[in-house]
Amino acid sequence: YEINGVKNPILFVRRGQTYTFNLNTPSHPFYLQTMGNGHQSADIYSRGFSGNGQTSGEYQWVVPQDAPDELFYQCKFHSVMFGKIIVMD
Protein backbone atom coordinates (compact mmCIF):
# COMPACT_ATOMS: atom_id res chain seq x y z
CA TYR A 1 0.00 0.00 0.00
CA GLU A 2 1.08 3.58 -0.59
CA ILE A 3 0.28 6.00 2.21
CA ASN A 4 1.14 9.67 1.76
CA GLY A 5 3.56 8.75 -1.03
CA VAL A 6 5.41 6.06 0.95
CA LYS A 7 5.06 2.32 0.29
CA ASN A 8 4.04 0.22 3.30
CA PRO A 9 5.15 2.74 5.96
CA ILE A 10 5.04 2.08 9.68
CA LEU A 11 2.01 3.89 11.12
CA PHE A 12 1.98 5.28 14.65
CA VAL A 13 -1.44 5.66 16.30
CA ARG A 14 -2.68 6.55 19.78
CA ARG A 15 -5.27 4.72 21.82
CA GLY A 16 -8.55 6.64 22.02
CA GLN A 17 -7.84 8.68 18.86
CA THR A 18 -9.83 8.50 15.63
CA TYR A 19 -8.13 7.90 12.27
CA THR A 20 -9.66 7.91 8.79
CA PHE A 21 -8.59 5.42 6.13
CA ASN A 22 -9.46 6.73 2.66
CA LEU A 23 -9.30 3.55 0.60
CA ASN A 24 -8.81 3.57 -3.16
CA THR A 25 -7.31 0.11 -3.58
CA PRO A 26 -9.08 -1.78 -6.41
CA SER A 27 -8.28 -5.52 -6.27
CA HIS A 28 -6.51 -5.08 -2.91
CA PRO A 29 -8.97 -5.65 -0.03
CA PHE A 30 -7.68 -3.89 3.08
CA TYR A 31 -7.54 -5.52 6.52
CA LEU A 32 -6.31 -4.66 9.98
CA GLN A 33 -4.70 -7.75 11.49
CA THR A 34 -2.88 -8.97 14.55
CA MET A 35 -0.22 -10.60 12.34
CA GLY A 36 1.47 -9.42 9.14
CA ASN A 37 3.02 -11.07 6.07
CA GLY A 38 -0.15 -12.67 4.70
CA HIS A 39 -3.91 -12.52 5.17
CA GLN A 40 -5.44 -15.00 7.59
CA SER A 41 -9.10 -14.76 8.62
CA ALA A 42 -8.19 -15.69 12.20
CA ASP A 43 -5.87 -12.64 12.42
CA ILE A 44 -8.43 -9.96 11.45
CA TYR A 45 -8.67 -7.13 13.99
CA SER A 46 -12.03 -5.36 13.82
CA ARG A 47 -12.35 -3.52 17.15
CA GLY A 48 -13.52 -0.01 16.28
CA PHE A 49 -12.98 -0.48 12.51
CA SER A 50 -15.58 -1.36 9.88
CA GLY A 51 -13.37 -1.16 6.78
CA ASN A 52 -11.96 -4.67 6.77
CA GLY A 53 -12.26 -6.28 3.33
CA GLN A 54 -13.05 -2.98 1.61
CA THR A 55 -11.34 -1.50 -1.46
CA SER A 56 -12.89 1.97 -1.59
CA GLY A 57 -14.46 4.54 0.68
CA GLU A 58 -13.64 6.30 3.94
CA TYR A 59 -13.57 4.29 7.15
CA GLN A 60 -12.87 5.60 10.61
CA TRP A 61 -10.98 3.69 13.25
CA VAL A 62 -11.30 4.66 16.88
CA VAL A 63 -8.28 2.95 18.41
CA PRO A 64 -9.53 0.99 21.44
CA GLN A 65 -7.90 1.54 24.82
CA ASP A 66 -7.13 -2.19 24.95
CA ALA A 67 -5.68 -2.43 21.43
CA PRO A 68 -2.47 -4.48 21.25
CA ASP A 69 0.81 -2.57 21.00
CA GLU A 70 1.39 -3.84 17.47
CA LEU A 71 -1.04 -4.41 14.60
CA PHE A 72 -0.68 -4.67 10.83
CA TYR A 73 -2.50 -3.50 7.72
CA GLN A 74 -2.63 -6.21 5.07
CA CYS A 75 -3.90 -6.90 1.55
CA LYS A 76 -6.04 -10.03 1.32
CA PHE A 77 -4.39 -11.23 -1.90
CA HIS A 78 -0.78 -10.04 -1.73
CA SER A 79 1.35 -11.05 1.25
CA VAL A 80 3.97 -8.36 0.56
CA MET A 81 1.37 -5.59 0.74
CA PHE A 82 1.40 -5.01 4.47
CA GLY A 83 2.77 -2.65 7.06
CA LYS A 84 3.14 -2.35 10.80
CA ILE A 85 0.95 -0.22 13.05
CA ILE A 86 2.50 0.81 16.37
CA VAL A 87 -0.19 1.55 18.96
CA MET A 88 0.80 4.00 21.71
CA ASP A 89 -0.84 5.47 24.80
PDB file of N, CA and C in Angstrom:
ATOM      1  N   TYR A   1       0.831  -1.180   0.000  1.00  0.00           N
ATOM      2  CA  TYR A   1       0.000   0.000   0.000  1.00  0.00           C
ATOM      3  C   TYR A   1       0.876   1.243   0.000  1.00  0.00           C
ATOM      4  N   GLU A   2       0.388   2.294  -0.606  1.00  0.00           N
ATOM      5  CA  GLU A   2       1.084   3.577  -0.593  1.00  0.00           C
ATOM      6  C   GLU A   2       0.275   4.546   0.261  1.00  0.00           C
ATOM      7  N   ILE A   3       0.926   5.075   1.284  1.00  0.00           N
ATOM      8  CA  ILE A   3       0.279   6.000   2.209  1.00  0.00           C
ATOM      9  C   ILE A   3       1.090   7.285   2.235  1.00  0.00           C
ATOM     10  N   ASN A   4       0.465   8.369   1.832  1.00  0.00           N
ATOM     11  CA  ASN A   4       1.138   9.674   1.761  1.00  0.00           C
ATOM     12  C   ASN A   4       2.437   9.594   0.972  1.00  0.00           C
ATOM     13  N   GLY A   5       2.414   8.839  -0.139  1.00  0.00           N
ATOM     14  CA  GLY A   5       3.560   8.748  -1.032  1.00  0.00           C
ATOM     15  C   GLY A   5       4.634   7.757  -0.617  1.00  0.00           C
ATOM     16  N   VAL A   6       4.426   7.028   0.458  1.00  0.00           N
ATOM     17  CA  VAL A   6       5.413   6.062   0.954  1.00  0.00           C
ATOM     18  C   VAL A   6       4.803   4.664   0.894  1.00  0.00           C
ATOM     19  N   LYS A   7       5.571   3.693   0.383  1.00  0.00           N
ATOM     20  CA  LYS A   7       5.061   2.325   0.290  1.00  0.00           C
ATOM     21  C   LYS A   7       5.219   1.589   1.611  1.00  0.00           C
ATOM     22  N   ASN A   8       4.099   1.040   2.086  1.00  0.00           N
ATOM     23  CA  ASN A   8       4.041   0.221   3.303  1.00  0.00           C
ATOM     24  C   ASN A   8       4.762   0.847   4.504  1.00  0.00           C
ATOM     25  N   PRO A   9       4.464   2.107   4.821  1.00  0.00           N
ATOM     26  CA  PRO A   9       5.148   2.739   5.959  1.00  0.00           C
ATOM     27  C   PRO A   9       4.661   2.183   7.295  1.00  0.00           C
ATOM     28  N   ILE A  10       5.475   2.366   8.314  1.00  0.00           N
ATOM     29  CA  ILE A  10       5.036   2.085   9.678  1.00  0.00           C
ATOM     30  C   ILE A  10       4.117   3.225  10.095  1.00  0.00           C
ATOM     31  N   LEU A  11       2.952   2.885  10.635  1.00  0.00           N
ATOM     32  CA  LEU A  11       2.006   3.885  11.122  1.00  0.00           C
ATOM     33  C   LEU A  11       2.051   3.915  12.642  1.00  0.00           C
ATOM     34  N   PHE A  12       2.009   5.101  13.201  1.00  0.00           N
ATOM     35  CA  PHE A  12       1.978   5.279  14.650  1.00  0.00           C
ATOM     36  C   PHE A  12       0.628   5.877  15.015  1.00  0.00           C
ATOM     37  N   VAL A  13      -0.110   5.196  15.890  1.00  0.00           N
ATOM     38  CA  VAL A  13      -1.436   5.663  16.299  1.00  0.00           C
ATOM     39  C   VAL A  13      -1.521   5.684  17.818  1.00  0.00           C
ATOM     40  N   ARG A  14      -2.484   6.438  18.332  1.00  0.00           N
ATOM     41  CA  ARG A  14      -2.682   6.549  19.784  1.00  0.00           C
ATOM     42  C   ARG A  14      -4.038   5.980  20.183  1.00  0.00           C
ATOM     43  N   ARG A  15      -4.029   5.266  21.281  1.00  0.00           N
ATOM     44  CA  ARG A  15      -5.271   4.717  21.821  1.00  0.00           C
ATOM     45  C   ARG A  15      -6.252   5.860  22.107  1.00  0.00           C
ATOM     46  N   GLY A  16      -7.519   5.639  21.775  1.00  0.00           N
ATOM     47  CA  GLY A  16      -8.551   6.635  22.019  1.00  0.00           C
ATOM     48  C   GLY A  16      -8.701   7.662  20.914  1.00  0.00           C
ATOM     49  N   GLN A  17      -7.766   7.718  19.966  1.00  0.00           N
ATOM     50  CA  GLN A  17      -7.836   8.679  18.865  1.00  0.00           C
ATOM     51  C   GLN A  17      -8.578   8.065  17.677  1.00  0.00           C
ATOM     52  N   THR A  18      -9.101   8.932  16.820  1.00  0.00           N
ATOM     53  CA  THR A  18      -9.826   8.499  15.629  1.00  0.00           C
ATOM     54  C   THR A  18      -8.983   8.779  14.392  1.00  0.00           C
ATOM     55  N   TYR A  19      -8.885   7.791  13.517  1.00  0.00           N
ATOM     56  CA  TYR A  19      -8.132   7.902  12.269  1.00  0.00           C
ATOM     57  C   TYR A  19      -9.049   7.530  11.115  1.00  0.00           C
ATOM     58  N   THR A  20      -8.853   8.188   9.971  1.00  0.00           N
ATOM     59  CA  THR A  20      -9.658   7.911   8.790  1.00  0.00           C
ATOM     60  C   THR A  20      -8.792   7.254   7.730  1.00  0.00           C
ATOM     61  N   PHE A  21      -9.236   6.109   7.249  1.00  0.00           N
ATOM     62  CA  PHE A  21      -8.594   5.424   6.133  1.00  0.00           C
ATOM     63  C   PHE A  21      -9.420   5.731   4.894  1.00  0.00           C
ATOM     64  N   ASN A  22      -8.807   6.406   3.926  1.00  0.00           N
ATOM     65  CA  ASN A  22      -9.457   6.727   2.661  1.00  0.00           C
ATOM     66  C   ASN A  22      -8.957   5.707   1.643  1.00  0.00           C
ATOM     67  N   LEU A  23      -9.740   4.659   1.437  1.00  0.00           N
ATOM     68  CA  LEU A  23      -9.303   3.549   0.600  1.00  0.00           C
ATOM     69  C   LEU A  23      -9.642   3.786  -0.863  1.00  0.00           C
ATOM     70  N   ASN A  24      -8.654   3.583  -1.712  1.00  0.00           N
ATOM     71  CA  ASN A  24      -8.808   3.567  -3.159  1.00  0.00           C
ATOM     72  C   ASN A  24      -7.855   2.484  -3.655  1.00  0.00           C
ATOM     73  N   THR A  25      -8.224   1.239  -3.369  1.00  0.00           N
ATOM     74  CA  THR A  25      -7.311   0.113  -3.577  1.00  0.00           C
ATOM     75  C   THR A  25      -7.991  -1.006  -4.367  1.00  0.00           C
ATOM     76  N   PRO A  26      -8.402  -0.738  -5.627  1.00  0.00           N
ATOM     77  CA  PRO A  26      -9.075  -1.780  -6.406  1.00  0.00           C
ATOM     78  C   PRO A  26      -8.246  -3.068  -6.440  1.00  0.00           C
ATOM     79  N   SER A  27      -8.907  -4.192  -6.250  1.00  0.00           N
ATOM     80  CA  SER A  27      -8.282  -5.524  -6.265  1.00  0.00           C
ATOM     81  C   SER A  27      -7.349  -5.782  -5.092  1.00  0.00           C
ATOM     82  N   HIS A  28      -7.372  -4.905  -4.082  1.00  0.00           N
ATOM     83  CA  HIS A  28      -6.508  -5.077  -2.911  1.00  0.00           C
ATOM     84  C   HIS A  28      -7.317  -4.861  -1.627  1.00  0.00           C
ATOM     85  N   PRO A  29      -8.173  -5.814  -1.249  1.00  0.00           N
ATOM     86  CA  PRO A  29      -8.974  -5.654  -0.027  1.00  0.00           C
ATOM     87  C   PRO A  29      -8.089  -5.395   1.192  1.00  0.00           C
ATOM     88  N   PHE A  30      -8.462  -4.390   1.945  1.00  0.00           N
ATOM     89  CA  PHE A  30      -7.677  -3.888   3.075  1.00  0.00           C
ATOM     90  C   PHE A  30      -8.162  -4.530   4.371  1.00  0.00           C
ATOM     91  N   TYR A  31      -7.207  -4.942   5.210  1.00  0.00           N
ATOM     92  CA  TYR A  31      -7.543  -5.521   6.517  1.00  0.00           C
ATOM     93  C   TYR A  31      -6.605  -4.989   7.589  1.00  0.00           C
ATOM     94  N   LEU A  32      -7.135  -4.814   8.787  1.00  0.00           N
ATOM     95  CA  LEU A  32      -6.310  -4.660   9.978  1.00  0.00           C
ATOM     96  C   LEU A  32      -6.169  -6.053  10.572  1.00  0.00           C
ATOM     97  N   GLN A  33      -4.956  -6.400  10.983  1.00  0.00           N
ATOM     98  CA  GLN A  33      -4.697  -7.746  11.487  1.00  0.00           C
ATOM     99  C   GLN A  33      -3.767  -7.719  12.692  1.00  0.00           C
ATOM    100  N   THR A  34      -3.790  -8.813  13.417  1.00  0.00           N
ATOM    101  CA  THR A  34      -2.875  -8.971  14.555  1.00  0.00           C
ATOM    102  C   THR A  34      -1.536  -9.543  14.120  1.00  0.00           C
ATOM    103  N   MET A  35      -1.456 -10.063  12.902  1.00  0.00           N
ATOM    104  CA  MET A  35      -0.217 -10.596  12.341  1.00  0.00           C
ATOM    105  C   MET A  35      -0.046 -10.041  10.936  1.00  0.00           C
ATOM    106  N   GLY A  36       1.196  -9.904  10.482  1.00  0.00           N
ATOM    107  CA  GLY A  36       1.474  -9.424   9.139  1.00  0.00           C
ATOM    108  C   GLY A  36       2.001 -10.536   8.253  1.00  0.00           C
ATOM    109  N   ASN A  37       2.394 -10.159   7.031  1.00  0.00           N
ATOM    110  CA  ASN A  37       3.020 -11.070   6.074  1.00  0.00           C
ATOM    111  C   ASN A  37       2.061 -12.147   5.582  1.00  0.00           C
ATOM    112  N   GLY A  38       0.833 -11.756   5.266  1.00  0.00           N
ATOM    113  CA  GLY A  38      -0.150 -12.671   4.697  1.00  0.00           C
ATOM    114  C   GLY A  38      -1.488 -12.578   5.402  1.00  0.00           C
ATOM    115  N   HIS A  39      -2.552 -12.613   4.610  1.00  0.00           N
ATOM    116  CA  HIS A  39      -3.907 -12.523   5.166  1.00  0.00           C
ATOM    117  C   HIS A  39      -4.339 -13.860   5.740  1.00  0.00           C
ATOM    118  N   GLN A  40      -4.840 -13.832   6.950  1.00  0.00           N
ATOM    119  CA  GLN A  40      -5.438 -15.000   7.593  1.00  0.00           C
ATOM    120  C   GLN A  40      -6.713 -14.521   8.290  1.00  0.00           C
ATOM    121  N   SER A  41      -7.824 -15.174   8.019  1.00  0.00           N
ATOM    122  CA  SER A  41      -9.095 -14.761   8.621  1.00  0.00           C
ATOM    123  C   SER A  41      -9.026 -14.711  10.139  1.00  0.00           C
ATOM    124  N   ALA A  42      -8.294 -15.627  10.732  1.00  0.00           N
ATOM    125  CA  ALA A  42      -8.195 -15.686  12.195  1.00  0.00           C
ATOM    126  C   ALA A  42      -7.453 -14.490  12.780  1.00  0.00           C
ATOM    127  N   ASP A  43      -6.684 -13.762  11.943  1.00  0.00           N
ATOM    128  CA  ASP A  43      -5.875 -12.640  12.423  1.00  0.00           C
ATOM    129  C   ASP A  43      -6.549 -11.283  12.263  1.00  0.00           C
ATOM    130  N   ILE A  44      -7.752 -11.234  11.695  1.00  0.00           N
ATOM    131  CA  ILE A  44      -8.427  -9.957  11.445  1.00  0.00           C
ATOM    132  C   ILE A  44      -8.721  -9.261  12.773  1.00  0.00           C
ATOM    133  N   TYR A  45      -8.397  -7.959  12.811  1.00  0.00           N
ATOM    134  CA  TYR A  45      -8.673  -7.132  13.990  1.00  0.00           C
ATOM    135  C   TYR A  45      -9.753  -6.128  13.604  1.00  0.00           C
ATOM    136  N   SER A  46     -10.908  -6.215  14.231  1.00  0.00           N
ATOM    137  CA  SER A  46     -12.029  -5.364  13.819  1.00  0.00           C
ATOM    138  C   SER A  46     -12.520  -4.412  14.898  1.00  0.00           C
ATOM    139  N   ARG A  47     -11.883  -4.405  16.062  1.00  0.00           N
ATOM    140  CA  ARG A  47     -12.347  -3.524  17.146  1.00  0.00           C
ATOM    141  C   ARG A  47     -12.290  -2.063  16.702  1.00  0.00           C
ATOM    142  N   GLY A  48     -13.444  -1.420  16.612  1.00  0.00           N
ATOM    143  CA  GLY A  48     -13.523  -0.007  16.281  1.00  0.00           C
ATOM    144  C   GLY A  48     -13.349   0.320  14.815  1.00  0.00           C
ATOM    145  N   PHE A  49     -13.246  -0.710  13.938  1.00  0.00           N
ATOM    146  CA  PHE A  49     -12.977  -0.476  12.513  1.00  0.00           C
ATOM    147  C   PHE A  49     -13.923  -1.309  11.661  1.00  0.00           C
ATOM    148  N   SER A  50     -14.623  -0.654  10.732  1.00  0.00           N
ATOM    149  CA  SER A  50     -15.584  -1.360   9.880  1.00  0.00           C
ATOM    150  C   SER A  50     -15.106  -1.498   8.441  1.00  0.00           C
ATOM    151  N   GLY A  51     -13.861  -1.145   8.155  1.00  0.00           N
ATOM    152  CA  GLY A  51     -13.370  -1.155   6.780  1.00  0.00           C
ATOM    153  C   GLY A  51     -12.668  -2.419   6.335  1.00  0.00           C
ATOM    154  N   ASN A  52     -12.628  -3.440   7.177  1.00  0.00           N
ATOM    155  CA  ASN A  52     -11.956  -4.673   6.769  1.00  0.00           C
ATOM    156  C   ASN A  52     -12.612  -5.278   5.536  1.00  0.00           C
ATOM    157  N   GLY A  53     -11.783  -5.661   4.560  1.00  0.00           N
ATOM    158  CA  GLY A  53     -12.262  -6.278   3.328  1.00  0.00           C
ATOM    159  C   GLY A  53     -12.696  -5.299   2.263  1.00  0.00           C
ATOM    160  N   GLN A  54     -12.601  -4.010   2.546  1.00  0.00           N
ATOM    161  CA  GLN A  54     -13.053  -2.981   1.607  1.00  0.00           C
ATOM    162  C   GLN A  54     -11.922  -2.553   0.671  1.00  0.00           C
ATOM    163  N   THR A  55     -12.311  -2.009  -0.494  1.00  0.00           N
ATOM    164  CA  THR A  55     -11.335  -1.502  -1.458  1.00  0.00           C
ATOM    165  C   THR A  55     -11.542  -0.028  -1.780  1.00  0.00           C
ATOM    166  N   SER A  56     -12.653   0.544  -1.332  1.00  0.00           N
ATOM    167  CA  SER A  56     -12.891   1.966  -1.588  1.00  0.00           C
ATOM    168  C   SER A  56     -13.776   2.541  -0.492  1.00  0.00           C
ATOM    169  N   GLY A  57     -13.649   3.847  -0.313  1.00  0.00           N
ATOM    170  CA  GLY A  57     -14.458   4.541   0.680  1.00  0.00           C
ATOM    171  C   GLY A  57     -13.632   5.009   1.864  1.00  0.00           C
ATOM    172  N   GLU A  58     -14.279   5.794   2.722  1.00  0.00           N
ATOM    173  CA  GLU A  58     -13.638   6.300   3.943  1.00  0.00           C
ATOM    174  C   GLU A  58     -14.154   5.523   5.140  1.00  0.00           C
ATOM    175  N   TYR A  59     -13.225   5.077   5.964  1.00  0.00           N
ATOM    176  CA  TYR A  59     -13.568   4.293   7.147  1.00  0.00           C
ATOM    177  C   TYR A  59     -12.795   4.832   8.334  1.00  0.00           C
ATOM    178  N   GLN A  60     -13.521   5.097   9.399  1.00  0.00           N
ATOM    179  CA  GLN A  60     -12.872   5.603  10.606  1.00  0.00           C
ATOM    180  C   GLN A  60     -12.516   4.458  11.534  1.00  0.00           C
ATOM    181  N   TRP A  61     -11.423   4.653  12.244  1.00  0.00           N
ATOM    182  CA  TRP A  61     -10.984   3.694  13.252  1.00  0.00           C
ATOM    183  C   TRP A  61     -10.747   4.454  14.539  1.00  0.00           C
ATOM    184  N   VAL A  62     -11.528   4.144  15.538  1.00  0.00           N
ATOM    185  CA  VAL A  62     -11.298   4.661  16.882  1.00  0.00           C
ATOM    186  C   VAL A  62     -10.450   3.604  17.580  1.00  0.00           C
ATOM    187  N   VAL A  63      -9.205   3.931  17.849  1.00  0.00           N
ATOM    188  CA  VAL A  63      -8.278   2.948  18.410  1.00  0.00           C
ATOM    189  C   VAL A  63      -8.706   2.623  19.840  1.00  0.00           C
ATOM    190  N   PRO A  64      -9.065   1.362  20.105  1.00  0.00           N
ATOM    191  CA  PRO A  64      -9.527   0.991  21.443  1.00  0.00           C
ATOM    192  C   PRO A  64      -8.435   1.153  22.500  1.00  0.00           C
ATOM    193  N   GLN A  65      -8.852   1.412  23.715  1.00  0.00           N
ATOM    194  CA  GLN A  65      -7.899   1.535  24.823  1.00  0.00           C
ATOM    195  C   GLN A  65      -7.153   0.228  25.068  1.00  0.00           C
ATOM    196  N   ASP A  66      -7.774  -0.895  24.727  1.00  0.00           N
ATOM    197  CA  ASP A  66      -7.131  -2.191  24.951  1.00  0.00           C
ATOM    198  C   ASP A  66      -6.520  -2.784  23.676  1.00  0.00           C
ATOM    199  N   ALA A  67      -6.301  -1.940  22.662  1.00  0.00           N
ATOM    200  CA  ALA A  67      -5.676  -2.431  21.430  1.00  0.00           C
ATOM    201  C   ALA A  67      -4.272  -2.943  21.734  1.00  0.00           C
ATOM    202  N   PRO A  68      -3.837  -3.999  21.035  1.00  0.00           N
ATOM    203  CA  PRO A  68      -2.469  -4.481  21.248  1.00  0.00           C
ATOM    204  C   PRO A  68      -1.453  -3.427  20.823  1.00  0.00           C
ATOM    205  N   ASP A  69      -0.239  -3.546  21.305  1.00  0.00           N
ATOM    206  CA  ASP A  69       0.809  -2.569  21.004  1.00  0.00           C
ATOM    207  C   ASP A  69       1.240  -2.599  19.540  1.00  0.00           C
ATOM    208  N   GLU A  70       0.969  -3.695  18.854  1.00  0.00           N
ATOM    209  CA  GLU A  70       1.391  -3.843  17.466  1.00  0.00           C
ATOM    210  C   GLU A  70       0.277  -4.498  16.662  1.00  0.00           C
ATOM    211  N   LEU A  71      -0.074  -3.866  15.555  1.00  0.00           N
ATOM    212  CA  LEU A  71      -1.037  -4.415  14.602  1.00  0.00           C
ATOM    213  C   LEU A  71      -0.434  -4.275  13.210  1.00  0.00           C
ATOM    214  N   PHE A  72      -1.160  -4.744  12.208  1.00  0.00           N
ATOM    215  CA  PHE A  72      -0.685  -4.674  10.830  1.00  0.00           C
ATOM    216  C   PHE A  72      -1.841  -4.315   9.915  1.00  0.00           C
ATOM    217  N   TYR A  73      -1.534  -3.637   8.806  1.00  0.00           N
ATOM    218  CA  TYR A  73      -2.501  -3.497   7.723  1.00  0.00           C
ATOM    219  C   TYR A  73      -2.031  -4.434   6.621  1.00  0.00           C
ATOM    220  N   GLN A  74      -2.980  -5.097   5.951  1.00  0.00           N
ATOM    221  CA  GLN A  74      -2.626  -6.210   5.075  1.00  0.00           C
ATOM    222  C   GLN A  74      -3.598  -6.316   3.905  1.00  0.00           C
ATOM    223  N   CYS A  75      -3.077  -6.571   2.716  1.00  0.00           N
ATOM    224  CA  CYS A  75      -3.901  -6.895   1.553  1.00  0.00           C
ATOM    225  C   CYS A  75      -4.309  -8.366   1.628  1.00  0.00           C
ATOM    226  N   LYS A  76      -5.549  -8.641   1.278  1.00  0.00           N
ATOM    227  CA  LYS A  76      -6.039 -10.026   1.321  1.00  0.00           C
ATOM    228  C   LYS A  76      -5.298 -10.929   0.336  1.00  0.00           C
ATOM    229  N   PHE A  77      -4.924 -10.395  -0.826  1.00  0.00           N
ATOM    230  CA  PHE A  77      -4.390 -11.234  -1.900  1.00  0.00           C
ATOM    231  C   PHE A  77      -2.874 -11.186  -2.068  1.00  0.00           C
ATOM    232  N   HIS A  78      -2.213 -10.209  -1.494  1.00  0.00           N
ATOM    233  CA  HIS A  78      -0.775 -10.044  -1.729  1.00  0.00           C
ATOM    234  C   HIS A  78      -0.035  -9.944  -0.397  1.00  0.00           C
ATOM    235  N   SER A  79       0.700 -10.982  -0.068  1.00  0.00           N
ATOM    236  CA  SER A  79       1.346 -11.054   1.250  1.00  0.00           C
ATOM    237  C   SER A  79       2.372  -9.952   1.468  1.00  0.00           C
ATOM    238  N   VAL A  80       2.963  -9.411   0.389  1.00  0.00           N
ATOM    239  CA  VAL A  80       3.969  -8.358   0.564  1.00  0.00           C
ATOM    240  C   VAL A  80       3.351  -6.972   0.705  1.00  0.00           C
ATOM    241  N   MET A  81       2.045  -6.873   0.556  1.00  0.00           N
ATOM    242  CA  MET A  81       1.365  -5.585   0.736  1.00  0.00           C
ATOM    243  C   MET A  81       0.863  -5.497   2.170  1.00  0.00           C
ATOM    244  N   PHE A  82       1.765  -5.151   3.064  1.00  0.00           N
ATOM    245  CA  PHE A  82       1.398  -5.011   4.468  1.00  0.00           C
ATOM    246  C   PHE A  82       2.349  -4.030   5.128  1.00  0.00           C
ATOM    247  N   GLY A  83       1.928  -3.540   6.276  1.00  0.00           N
ATOM    248  CA  GLY A  83       2.766  -2.649   7.062  1.00  0.00           C
ATOM    249  C   GLY A  83       2.400  -2.753   8.525  1.00  0.00           C
ATOM    250  N   LYS A  84       3.304  -2.274   9.346  1.00  0.00           N
ATOM    251  CA  LYS A  84       3.136  -2.352  10.798  1.00  0.00           C
ATOM    252  C   LYS A  84       2.423  -1.112  11.312  1.00  0.00           C
ATOM    253  N   ILE A  85       1.605  -1.310  12.330  1.00  0.00           N
ATOM    254  CA  ILE A  85       0.951  -0.216  13.048  1.00  0.00           C
ATOM    255  C   ILE A  85       1.405  -0.303  14.498  1.00  0.00           C
ATOM    256  N   ILE A  86       2.061   0.736  14.976  1.00  0.00           N
ATOM    257  CA  ILE A  86       2.496   0.809  16.368  1.00  0.00           C
ATOM    258  C   ILE A  86       1.428   1.577  17.141  1.00  0.00           C
ATOM    259  N   VAL A  87       0.875   0.944  18.163  1.00  0.00           N
ATOM    260  CA  VAL A  87      -0.191   1.551  18.965  1.00  0.00           C
ATOM    261  C   VAL A  87       0.408   2.062  20.269  1.00  0.00           C
ATOM    262  N   MET A  88       0.215   3.355  20.534  1.00  0.00           N
ATOM    263  CA  MET A  88       0.802   3.996  21.709  1.00  0.00           C
ATOM    264  C   MET A  88      -0.290   4.561  22.609  1.00  0.00           C
ATOM    265  N   ASP A  89       0.076   4.815  23.863  1.00  0.00           N
ATOM    266  CA  ASP A  89      -0.842   5.468  24.799  1.00  0.00           C
ATOM    267  C   ASP A  89      -0.862   6.960  24.553  1.00  0.00           C
TER     268      ASP A  89
END
